[in-house]
């Protein structure tokens, strides 16, 4: 299955299409230095096949190629980013500068 990406410079989505129908997608907002993933939706026919993670890998690849950060807002993307240290280089965290962490 081929994962496509389309955007208009402000918003877009990574998606998989089958027979003219989008069966998996991850939508995002985009500005010059940040991609904000806001929704992930996978068709029931693809459930349990790791498609969400594969689409997220494409989003991370896109961020790295464009030297931008990723702010995962949707629960799925956020949970993957929190568990996957390999994505730390592109993971945008909203941590105040005066944080005592």
PDB file of N, CA and C in Angstrom:
ATOM      1  N   UNK A   1       0.830  -1.186   0.000  1.00  0.00           N
ATOM      2  CA  UNK A   1       0.000   0.000   0.000  1.00  0.00           C
ATOM      3  C   UNK A   1       0.870   1.243   0.000  1.00  0.00           C
ATOM      4  N   UNK A   2       0.564   2.120  -0.904  1.00  0.00           N
ATOM      5  CA  UNK A   2       1.350   3.338  -1.043  1.00  0.00           C
ATOM      6  C   UNK A   2       0.739   4.460  -0.210  1.00  0.00           C
ATOM      7  N   UNK A   3       1.585   5.109   0.566  1.00  0.00           N
ATOM      8  CA  UNK A   3       1.153   6.245   1.379  1.00  0.00           C
ATOM      9  C   UNK A   3       1.461   7.516   0.608  1.00  0.00           C
ATOM     10  N   UNK A   4       0.428   8.295   0.361  1.00  0.00           N
ATOM     11  CA  UNK A   4       0.551   9.552  -0.374  1.00  0.00           C
ATOM     12  C   UNK A   4       0.515  10.714   0.610  1.00  0.00           C
ATOM     13  N   UNK A   5       1.002  11.861   0.154  1.00  0.00           N
ATOM     14  CA  UNK A   5       0.944  13.083   0.940  1.00  0.00           C
ATOM     15  C   UNK A   5       0.480  14.199   0.021  1.00  0.00           C
ATOM     16  N   UNK A   6      -0.520  14.932   0.466  1.00  0.00           N
ATOM     17  CA  UNK A   6      -0.912  16.123  -0.285  1.00  0.00           C
ATOM     18  C   UNK A   6      -1.151  17.240   0.713  1.00  0.00           C
ATOM     19  N   UNK A   7      -0.733  18.442   0.321  1.00  0.00           N
ATOM     20  CA  UNK A   7      -0.963  19.613   1.163  1.00  0.00           C
ATOM     21  C   UNK A   7      -1.006  20.854   0.295  1.00  0.00           C
ATOM     22  N   UNK A   8      -1.589  21.889   0.876  1.00  0.00           N
ATOM     23  CA  UNK A   8      -1.707  23.159   0.161  1.00  0.00           C
ATOM     24  C   UNK A   8      -0.802  24.233   0.771  1.00  0.00           C
ATOM     25  N   UNK A   9       0.158  23.788   1.592  1.00  0.00           N
ATOM     26  CA  UNK A   9       1.066  24.728   2.240  1.00  0.00           C
ATOM     27  C   UNK A   9       0.601  25.149   3.622  1.00  0.00           C
ATOM     28  N   UNK A  10      -0.671  24.885   3.939  1.00  0.00           N
ATOM     29  CA  UNK A  10      -1.212  25.217   5.259  1.00  0.00           C
ATOM     30  C   UNK A  10      -1.797  24.006   5.972  1.00  0.00           C
ATOM     31  N   UNK A  11      -2.331  23.080   5.218  1.00  0.00           N
ATOM     32  CA  UNK A  11      -2.878  21.857   5.794  1.00  0.00           C
ATOM     33  C   UNK A  11      -2.737  20.739   4.770  1.00  0.00           C
ATOM     34  N   UNK A  12      -2.870  19.519   5.253  1.00  0.00           N
ATOM     35  CA  UNK A  12      -2.736  18.394   4.336  1.00  0.00           C
ATOM     36  C   UNK A  12      -3.026  17.087   5.021  1.00  0.00           C
ATOM     37  N   UNK A  13      -2.666  16.017   4.310  1.00  0.00           N
ATOM     38  CA  UNK A  13      -2.837  14.697   4.884  1.00  0.00           C
ATOM     39  C   UNK A  13      -1.939  13.683   4.204  1.00  0.00           C
ATOM     40  N   UNK A  14      -1.552  12.708   5.009  1.00  0.00           N
ATOM     41  CA  UNK A  14      -0.917  11.500   4.515  1.00  0.00           C
ATOM     42  C   UNK A  14      -2.065  10.507   4.418  1.00  0.00           C
ATOM     43  N   UNK A  15      -2.122   9.736   3.332  1.00  0.00           N
ATOM     44  CA  UNK A  15      -3.284   8.879   3.160  1.00  0.00           C
ATOM     45  C   UNK A  15      -2.971   7.668   2.287  1.00  0.00           C
ATOM     46  N   UNK A  16      -3.866   6.689   2.391  1.00  0.00           N
ATOM     47  CA  UNK A  16      -3.845   5.511   1.532  1.00  0.00           C
ATOM     48  C   UNK A  16      -5.191   5.473   0.832  1.00  0.00           C
ATOM     49  N   UNK A  17      -5.130   5.292  -0.468  1.00  0.00           N
ATOM     50  CA  UNK A  17      -6.339   5.259  -1.270  1.00  0.00           C
ATOM     51  C   UNK A  17      -6.475   3.885  -1.915  1.00  0.00           C
ATOM     52  N   UNK A  18      -7.697   3.387  -1.971  1.00  0.00           N
ATOM     53  CA  UNK A  18      -7.976   2.113  -2.633  1.00  0.00           C
ATOM     54  C   UNK A  18      -9.277   2.250  -3.409  1.00  0.00           C
ATOM     55  N   UNK A  19      -9.224   1.947  -4.691  1.00  0.00           N
ATOM     56  CA  UNK A  19     -10.406   2.036  -5.560  1.00  0.00           C
ATOM     57  C   UNK A  19     -11.082   3.403  -5.470  1.00  0.00           C
ATOM     58  N   UNK A  20     -10.284   4.463  -5.435  1.00  0.00           N
ATOM     59  CA  UNK A  20     -10.819   5.817  -5.411  1.00  0.00           C
ATOM     60  C   UNK A  20     -11.336   6.281  -4.061  1.00  0.00           C
ATOM     61  N   UNK A  21     -11.155   5.467  -3.024  1.00  0.00           N
ATOM     62  CA  UNK A  21     -11.631   5.813  -1.682  1.00  0.00           C
ATOM     63  C   UNK A  21     -10.455   5.893  -0.713  1.00  0.00           C
ATOM     64  N   UNK A  22     -10.443   6.927   0.114  1.00  0.00           N
ATOM     65  CA  UNK A  22      -9.404   7.049   1.136  1.00  0.00           C
ATOM     66  C   UNK A  22      -9.751   6.106   2.278  1.00  0.00           C
ATOM     67  N   UNK A  23      -8.857   5.140   2.537  1.00  0.00           N
ATOM     68  CA  UNK A  23      -9.129   4.131   3.555  1.00  0.00           C
ATOM     69  C   UNK A  23      -8.291   4.328   4.821  1.00  0.00           C
ATOM     70  N   UNK A  24      -7.351   5.259   4.778  1.00  0.00           N
ATOM     71  CA  UNK A  24      -6.552   5.605   5.956  1.00  0.00           C
ATOM     72  C   UNK A  24      -6.006   7.004   5.738  1.00  0.00           C
ATOM     73  N   UNK A  25      -6.021   7.804   6.821  1.00  0.00           N
ATOM     74  CA  UNK A  25      -5.485   9.167   6.674  1.00  0.00           C
ATOM     75  C   UNK A  25      -5.007   9.706   8.011  1.00  0.00           C
ATOM     76  N   UNK A  26      -4.059  10.606   7.892  1.00  0.00           N
ATOM     77  CA  UNK A  26      -3.544  11.365   9.025  1.00  0.00           C
ATOM     78  C   UNK A  26      -3.496  12.812   8.558  1.00  0.00           C
ATOM     79  N   UNK A  27      -4.331  13.650   9.150  1.00  0.00           N
ATOM     80  CA  UNK A  27      -4.408  15.042   8.717  1.00  0.00           C
ATOM     81  C   UNK A  27      -3.504  15.915   9.580  1.00  0.00           C
ATOM     82  N   UNK A  28      -3.104  17.031   9.009  1.00  0.00           N
ATOM     83  CA  UNK A  28      -2.194  17.930   9.719  1.00  0.00           C
ATOM     84  C   UNK A  28      -2.362  19.370   9.271  1.00  0.00           C
ATOM     85  N   UNK A  29      -1.891  20.258  10.130  1.00  0.00           N
ATOM     86  CA  UNK A  29      -1.736  21.686   9.830  1.00  0.00           C
ATOM     87  C   UNK A  29      -0.239  21.919   9.681  1.00  0.00           C
ATOM     88  N   UNK A  30       0.109  22.852   8.825  1.00  0.00           N
ATOM     89  CA  UNK A  30       1.515  23.070   8.506  1.00  0.00           C
ATOM     90  C   UNK A  30       1.830  24.549   8.515  1.00  0.00           C
ATOM     91  N   UNK A  31       2.955  24.898   9.151  1.00  0.00           N
ATOM     92  CA  UNK A  31       3.502  26.227   8.957  1.00  0.00           C
ATOM     93  C   UNK A  31       4.975  26.050   8.624  1.00  0.00           C
ATOM     94  N   UNK A  32       5.722  27.103   8.543  1.00  0.00           N
ATOM     95  CA  UNK A  32       7.091  26.993   8.027  1.00  0.00           C
ATOM     96  C   UNK A  32       8.024  26.133   8.863  1.00  0.00           C
ATOM     97  N   UNK A  33       7.743  25.926  10.149  1.00  0.00           N
ATOM     98  CA  UNK A  33       8.659  25.114  10.954  1.00  0.00           C
ATOM     99  C   UNK A  33       7.973  24.082  11.843  1.00  0.00           C
ATOM    100  N   UNK A  34       6.673  23.802  11.578  1.00  0.00           N
ATOM    101  CA  UNK A  34       5.942  22.874  12.436  1.00  0.00           C
ATOM    102  C   UNK A  34       4.823  22.186  11.664  1.00  0.00           C
ATOM    103  N   UNK A  35       4.723  20.884  11.851  1.00  0.00           N
ATOM    104  CA  UNK A  35       3.592  20.117  11.349  1.00  0.00           C
ATOM    105  C   UNK A  35       2.822  19.636  12.571  1.00  0.00           C
ATOM    106  N   UNK A  36       1.552  19.988  12.636  1.00  0.00           N
ATOM    107  CA  UNK A  36       0.704  19.642  13.774  1.00  0.00           C
ATOM    108  C   UNK A  36      -0.281  18.563  13.325  1.00  0.00           C
ATOM    109  N   UNK A  37      -0.042  17.318  13.777  1.00  0.00           N
ATOM    110  CA  UNK A  37      -0.913  16.196  13.418  1.00  0.00           C
ATOM    111  C   UNK A  37      -2.162  16.283  14.275  1.00  0.00           C
ATOM    112  N   UNK A  38      -3.324  16.433  13.622  1.00  0.00           N
ATOM    113  CA  UNK A  38      -4.552  16.656  14.383  1.00  0.00           C
ATOM    114  C   UNK A  38      -5.581  15.534  14.303  1.00  0.00           C
ATOM    115  N   UNK A  39      -5.395  14.569  13.411  1.00  0.00           N
ATOM    116  CA  UNK A  39      -6.396  13.502  13.317  1.00  0.00           C
ATOM    117  C   UNK A  39      -5.820  12.304  12.577  1.00  0.00           C
ATOM    118  N   UNK A  40      -6.128  11.114  13.075  1.00  0.00           N
ATOM    119  CA  UNK A  40      -5.764   9.875  12.391  1.00  0.00           C
ATOM    120  C   UNK A  40      -7.012   9.016  12.290  1.00  0.00           C
ATOM    121  N   UNK A  41      -7.259   8.502  11.102  1.00  0.00           N
ATOM    122  CA  UNK A  41      -8.445   7.665  10.881  1.00  0.00           C
ATOM    123  C   UNK A  41      -8.068   6.501   9.973  1.00  0.00           C
ATOM    124  N   UNK A  42      -8.340   5.293  10.449  1.00  0.00           N
ATOM    125  CA  UNK A  42      -8.012   4.080   9.705  1.00  0.00           C
ATOM    126  C   UNK A  42      -9.294   3.281   9.492  1.00  0.00           C
ATOM    127  N   UNK A  43      -9.535   2.839   8.280  1.00  0.00           N
ATOM    128  CA  UNK A  43     -10.708   2.032   7.970  1.00  0.00           C
ATOM    129  C   UNK A  43     -10.684   0.724   8.764  1.00  0.00           C
ATOM    130  N   UNK A  44     -11.846   0.236   9.113  1.00  0.00           N
ATOM    131  CA  UNK A  44     -11.934  -1.008   9.890  1.00  0.00           C
ATOM    132  C   UNK A  44     -11.289  -2.184   9.162  1.00  0.00           C
ATOM    133  N   UNK A  45     -11.261  -2.155   7.834  1.00  0.00           N
ATOM    134  CA  UNK A  45     -10.630  -3.242   7.085  1.00  0.00           C
ATOM    135  C   UNK A  45      -9.117  -3.297   7.274  1.00  0.00           C
ATOM    136  N   UNK A  46      -8.531  -2.218   7.802  1.00  0.00           N
ATOM    137  CA  UNK A  46      -7.080  -2.168   8.023  1.00  0.00           C
ATOM    138  C   UNK A  46      -6.697  -2.243   9.505  1.00  0.00           C
ATOM    139  N   UNK A  47      -7.682  -2.325  10.374  1.00  0.00           N
ATOM    140  CA  UNK A  47      -7.415  -2.343  11.811  1.00  0.00           C
ATOM    141  C   UNK A  47      -6.470  -3.493  12.165  1.00  0.00           C
ATOM    142  N   UNK A  48      -5.515  -3.188  13.039  1.00  0.00           N
ATOM    143  CA  UNK A  48      -4.582  -4.200  13.523  1.00  0.00           C
ATOM    144  C   UNK A  48      -3.438  -4.523  12.587  1.00  0.00           C
ATOM    145  N   UNK A  49      -3.275  -3.769  11.532  1.00  0.00           N
ATOM    146  CA  UNK A  49      -2.213  -4.038  10.559  1.00  0.00           C
ATOM    147  C   UNK A  49      -1.053  -3.053  10.657  1.00  0.00           C
ATOM    148  N   UNK A  50      -1.074  -2.194  11.664  1.00  0.00           N
ATOM    149  CA  UNK A  50       0.021  -1.243  11.853  1.00  0.00           C
ATOM    150  C   UNK A  50       0.030  -0.099  10.860  1.00  0.00           C
ATOM    151  N   UNK A  51      -1.087   0.144  10.211  1.00  0.00           N
ATOM    152  CA  UNK A  51      -1.148   1.181   9.175  1.00  0.00           C
ATOM    153  C   UNK A  51      -0.964   2.574   9.773  1.00  0.00           C
ATOM    154  N   UNK A  52      -1.554   2.819  10.929  1.00  0.00           N
ATOM    155  CA  UNK A  52      -1.396   4.124  11.573  1.00  0.00           C
ATOM    156  C   UNK A  52       0.067   4.448  11.816  1.00  0.00           C
ATOM    157  N   UNK A  53       0.802   3.472  12.306  1.00  0.00           N
ATOM    158  CA  UNK A  53       2.233   3.676  12.569  1.00  0.00           C
ATOM    159  C   UNK A  53       2.992   3.901  11.263  1.00  0.00           C
ATOM    160  N   UNK A  54       2.628   3.171  10.211  1.00  0.00           N
ATOM    161  CA  UNK A  54       3.305   3.355   8.924  1.00  0.00           C
ATOM    162  C   UNK A  54       3.069   4.762   8.377  1.00  0.00           C
ATOM    163  N   UNK A  55       1.858   5.269   8.546  1.00  0.00           N
ATOM    164  CA  UNK A  55       1.573   6.625   8.098  1.00  0.00           C
ATOM    165  C   UNK A  55       2.349   7.630   8.936  1.00  0.00           C
ATOM    166  N   UNK A  56       2.439   7.383  10.234  1.00  0.00           N
ATOM    167  CA  UNK A  56       3.199   8.274  11.120  1.00  0.00           C
ATOM    168  C   UNK A  56       4.677   8.293  10.732  1.00  0.00           C
ATOM    169  N   UNK A  57       5.214   7.160  10.343  1.00  0.00           N
ATOM    170  CA  UNK A  57       6.605   7.099   9.882  1.00  0.00           C
ATOM    171  C   UNK A  57       6.799   8.032   8.680  1.00  0.00           C
ATOM    172  N   UNK A  58       5.822   8.083   7.786  1.00  0.00           N
ATOM    173  CA  UNK A  58       5.909   8.995   6.643  1.00  0.00           C
ATOM    174  C   UNK A  58       5.876  10.455   7.081  1.00  0.00           C
ATOM    175  N   UNK A  59       5.071  10.754   8.103  1.00  0.00           N
ATOM    176  CA  UNK A  59       5.021  12.122   8.629  1.00  0.00           C
ATOM    177  C   UNK A  59       6.369  12.512   9.229  1.00  0.00           C
ATOM    178  N   UNK A  60       6.992  11.590   9.947  1.00  0.00           N
ATOM    179  CA  UNK A  60       8.314  11.850  10.542  1.00  0.00           C
ATOM    180  C   UNK A  60       9.348  12.042   9.435  1.00  0.00           C
ATOM    181  N   UNK A  61       9.285  11.209   8.416  1.00  0.00           N
ATOM    182  CA  UNK A  61      10.208  11.341   7.274  1.00  0.00           C
ATOM    183  C   UNK A  61      10.038  12.712   6.610  1.00  0.00           C
ATOM    184  N   UNK A  62       8.792  13.126   6.407  1.00  0.00           N
ATOM    185  CA  UNK A  62       8.496  14.434   5.828  1.00  0.00           C
ATOM    186  C   UNK A  62       9.088  15.550   6.688  1.00  0.00           C
ATOM    187  N   UNK A  63       8.910  15.447   8.005  1.00  0.00           N
ATOM    188  CA  UNK A  63       9.442  16.467   8.920  1.00  0.00           C
ATOM    189  C   UNK A  63      10.963  16.540   8.831  1.00  0.00           C
ATOM    190  N   UNK A  64      11.599  15.396   8.816  1.00  0.00           N
ATOM    191  CA  UNK A  64      13.072  15.374   8.728  1.00  0.00           C
ATOM    192  C   UNK A  64      13.553  15.961   7.403  1.00  0.00           C
ATOM    193  N   UNK A  65      12.905  15.592   6.318  1.00  0.00           N
ATOM    194  CA  UNK A  65      13.310  16.099   5.000  1.00  0.00           C
ATOM    195  C   UNK A  65      13.131  17.610   4.883  1.00  0.00           C
ATOM    196  N   UNK A  66      12.174  18.160   5.623  1.00  0.00           N
ATOM    197  CA  UNK A  66      11.877  19.588   5.552  1.00  0.00           C
ATOM    198  C   UNK A  66      12.391  20.368   6.753  1.00  0.00           C
ATOM    199  N   UNK A  67      13.157  19.680   7.612  1.00  0.00           N
ATOM    200  CA  UNK A  67      13.766  20.301   8.786  1.00  0.00           C
ATOM    201  C   UNK A  67      12.735  21.050   9.641  1.00  0.00           C
ATOM    202  N   UNK A  68      11.631  20.362   9.937  1.00  0.00           N
ATOM    203  CA  UNK A  68      10.588  20.928  10.778  1.00  0.00           C
ATOM    204  C   UNK A  68      10.273  19.971  11.920  1.00  0.00           C
ATOM    205  N   UNK A  69       9.576  20.458  12.914  1.00  0.00           N
ATOM    206  CA  UNK A  69       9.183  19.662  14.072  1.00  0.00           C
ATOM    207  C   UNK A  69       7.758  19.159  13.902  1.00  0.00           C
ATOM    208  N   UNK A  70       7.418  18.127  14.679  1.00  0.00           N
ATOM    209  CA  UNK A  70       6.080  17.555  14.673  1.00  0.00           C
ATOM    210  C   UNK A  70       5.457  17.750  16.043  1.00  0.00           C
ATOM    211  N   UNK A  71       4.262  18.320  16.055  1.00  0.00           N
ATOM    212  CA  UNK A  71       3.494  18.434  17.291  1.00  0.00           C
ATOM    213  C   UNK A  71       2.285  17.513  17.145  1.00  0.00           C
ATOM    214  N   UNK A  72       2.326  16.346  17.797  1.00  0.00           N
ATOM    215  CA  UNK A  72       1.186  15.442  17.710  1.00  0.00           C
ATOM    216  C   UNK A  72       0.058  15.911  18.621  1.00  0.00           C
ATOM    217  N   UNK A  73      -1.093  16.188  18.062  1.00  0.00           N
ATOM    218  CA  UNK A  73      -2.242  16.632  18.836  1.00  0.00           C
ATOM    219  C   UNK A  73      -3.243  15.490  19.001  1.00  0.00           C
ATOM    220  N   UNK A  74      -3.420  14.675  17.981  1.00  0.00           N
ATOM    221  CA  UNK A  74      -4.371  13.567  18.098  1.00  0.00           C
ATOM    222  C   UNK A  74      -3.805  12.513  19.052  1.00  0.00           C
ATOM    223  N   UNK A  75      -4.690  11.831  19.733  1.00  0.00           N
ATOM    224  CA  UNK A  75      -4.287  10.859  20.755  1.00  0.00           C
ATOM    225  C   UNK A  75      -3.375   9.770  20.211  1.00  0.00           C
ATOM    226  N   UNK A  76      -3.675   9.256  19.022  1.00  0.00           N
ATOM    227  CA  UNK A  76      -2.859   8.191  18.457  1.00  0.00           C
ATOM    228  C   UNK A  76      -1.420   8.656  18.236  1.00  0.00           C
ATOM    229  N   UNK A  77      -1.266   9.753  17.511  1.00  0.00           N
ATOM    230  CA  UNK A  77       0.078  10.251  17.206  1.00  0.00           C
ATOM    231  C   UNK A  77       0.835  10.606  18.480  1.00  0.00           C
ATOM    232  N   UNK A  78       0.141  11.226  19.419  1.00  0.00           N
ATOM    233  CA  UNK A  78       0.773  11.602  20.678  1.00  0.00           C
ATOM    234  C   UNK A  78       1.282  10.367  21.422  1.00  0.00           C
ATOM    235  N   UNK A  79       0.488   9.300  21.465  1.00  0.00           N
ATOM    236  CA  UNK A  79       0.910   8.097  22.187  1.00  0.00           C
ATOM    237  C   UNK A  79       2.123   7.448  21.538  1.00  0.00           C
ATOM    238  N   UNK A  80       2.183   7.451  20.222  1.00  0.00           N
ATOM    239  CA  UNK A  80       3.344   6.877  19.538  1.00  0.00           C
ATOM    240  C   UNK A  80       4.587   7.715  19.809  1.00  0.00           C
ATOM    241  N   UNK A  81       4.481   9.030  19.706  1.00  0.00           N
ATOM    242  CA  UNK A  81       5.628   9.900  19.959  1.00  0.00           C
ATOM    243  C   UNK A  81       6.147   9.753  21.385  1.00  0.00           C
ATOM    244  N   UNK A  82       5.255   9.598  22.336  1.00  0.00           N
ATOM    245  CA  UNK A  82       5.675   9.474  23.729  1.00  0.00           C
ATOM    246  C   UNK A  82       6.396   8.159  24.006  1.00  0.00           C
ATOM    247  N   UNK A  83       6.147   7.135  23.192  1.00  0.00           N
ATOM    248  CA  UNK A  83       6.761   5.814  23.382  1.00  0.00           C
ATOM    249  C   UNK A  83       7.991   5.587  22.516  1.00  0.00           C
ATOM    250  N   UNK A  84       8.218   6.435  21.542  1.00  0.00           N
ATOM    251  CA  UNK A  84       9.241   6.174  20.528  1.00  0.00           C
ATOM    252  C   UNK A  84      10.372   7.199  20.566  1.00  0.00           C
ATOM    253  N   UNK A  85      11.460   6.884  21.284  1.00  0.00           N
ATOM    254  CA  UNK A  85      12.574   7.838  21.382  1.00  0.00           C
ATOM    255  C   UNK A  85      13.266   8.124  20.040  1.00  0.00           C
ATOM    256  N   UNK A  86      13.088   7.262  19.057  1.00  0.00           N
ATOM    257  CA  UNK A  86      13.704   7.494  17.742  1.00  0.00           C
ATOM    258  C   UNK A  86      13.137   8.731  17.051  1.00  0.00           C
ATOM    259  N   UNK A  87      11.990   9.235  17.533  1.00  0.00           N
ATOM    260  CA  UNK A  87      11.376  10.411  16.932  1.00  0.00           C
ATOM    261  C   UNK A  87      11.679  11.698  17.700  1.00  0.00           C
ATOM    262  N   UNK A  88      12.492  11.605  18.747  1.00  0.00           N
ATOM    263  CA  UNK A  88      12.781  12.771  19.581  1.00  0.00           C
ATOM    264  C   UNK A  88      13.374  13.941  18.794  1.00  0.00           C
ATOM    265  N   UNK A  89      14.093  13.646  17.717  1.00  0.00           N
ATOM    266  CA  UNK A  89      14.720  14.723  16.940  1.00  0.00           C
ATOM    267  C   UNK A  89      13.696  15.638  16.266  1.00  0.00           C
ATOM    268  N   UNK A  90      12.480  15.142  16.034  1.00  0.00           N
ATOM    269  CA  UNK A  90      11.461  15.962  15.396  1.00  0.00           C
ATOM    270  C   UNK A  90      10.266  16.251  16.313  1.00  0.00           C
ATOM    271  N   UNK A  91      10.283  15.699  17.507  1.00  0.00           N
ATOM    272  CA  UNK A  91       9.147  15.842  18.431  1.00  0.00           C
ATOM    273  C   UNK A  91       9.151  17.232  19.058  1.00  0.00           C
ATOM    274  N   UNK A  92       8.104  17.994  18.776  1.00  0.00           N
ATOM    275  CA  UNK A  92       7.943  19.330  19.362  1.00  0.00           C
ATOM    276  C   UNK A  92       7.175  19.187  20.668  1.00  0.00           C
ATOM    277  N   UNK A  93       7.819  19.614  21.743  1.00  0.00           N
ATOM    278  CA  UNK A  93       7.170  19.577  23.049  1.00  0.00           C
ATOM    279  C   UNK A  93       6.978  21.009  23.521  1.00  0.00           C
ATOM    280  N   UNK A  94       5.811  21.309  24.014  1.00  0.00           N
ATOM    281  CA  UNK A  94       5.504  22.632  24.547  1.00  0.00           C
ATOM    282  C   UNK A  94       5.939  22.702  26.013  1.00  0.00           C
ATOM    283  N   UNK A  95       7.211  22.848  26.250  1.00  0.00           N
ATOM    284  CA  UNK A  95       7.731  22.897  27.606  1.00  0.00           C
ATOM    285  C   UNK A  95       8.167  24.330  27.911  1.00  0.00           C
ATOM    286  N   UNK A  96       7.595  24.953  28.927  1.00  0.00           N
ATOM    287  CA  UNK A  96       8.014  26.315  29.257  1.00  0.00           C
ATOM    288  C   UNK A  96       9.501  26.379  29.593  1.00  0.00           C
ATOM    289  N   UNK A  97      10.132  27.483  29.219  1.00  0.00           N
ATOM    290  CA  UNK A  97      11.565  27.639  29.447  1.00  0.00           C
ATOM    291  C   UNK A  97      11.939  27.579  30.924  1.00  0.00           C
ATOM    292  N   UNK A  98      11.041  28.009  31.804  1.00  0.00           N
ATOM    293  CA  UNK A  98      11.375  28.014  33.227  1.00  0.00           C
ATOM    294  C   UNK A  98      10.950  26.736  33.929  1.00  0.00           C
ATOM    295  N   UNK A  99      10.665  25.677  33.154  1.00  0.00           N
ATOM    296  CA  UNK A  99      10.253  24.394  33.723  1.00  0.00           C
ATOM    297  C   UNK A  99      11.379  23.808  34.573  1.00  0.00           C
ATOM    298  N   UNK A 100      11.004  23.179  35.667  1.00  0.00           N
ATOM    299  CA  UNK A 100      11.976  22.592  36.594  1.00  0.00           C
ATOM    300  C   UNK A 100      12.131  21.088  36.365  1.00  0.00           C
ATOM    301  N   UNK A 101      11.829  20.572  35.203  1.00  0.00           N
ATOM    302  CA  UNK A 101      11.887  19.128  34.943  1.00  0.00           C
ATOM    303  C   UNK A 101      13.264  18.640  35.042  1.00  0.00           C
TER     304      UNK A 101
END
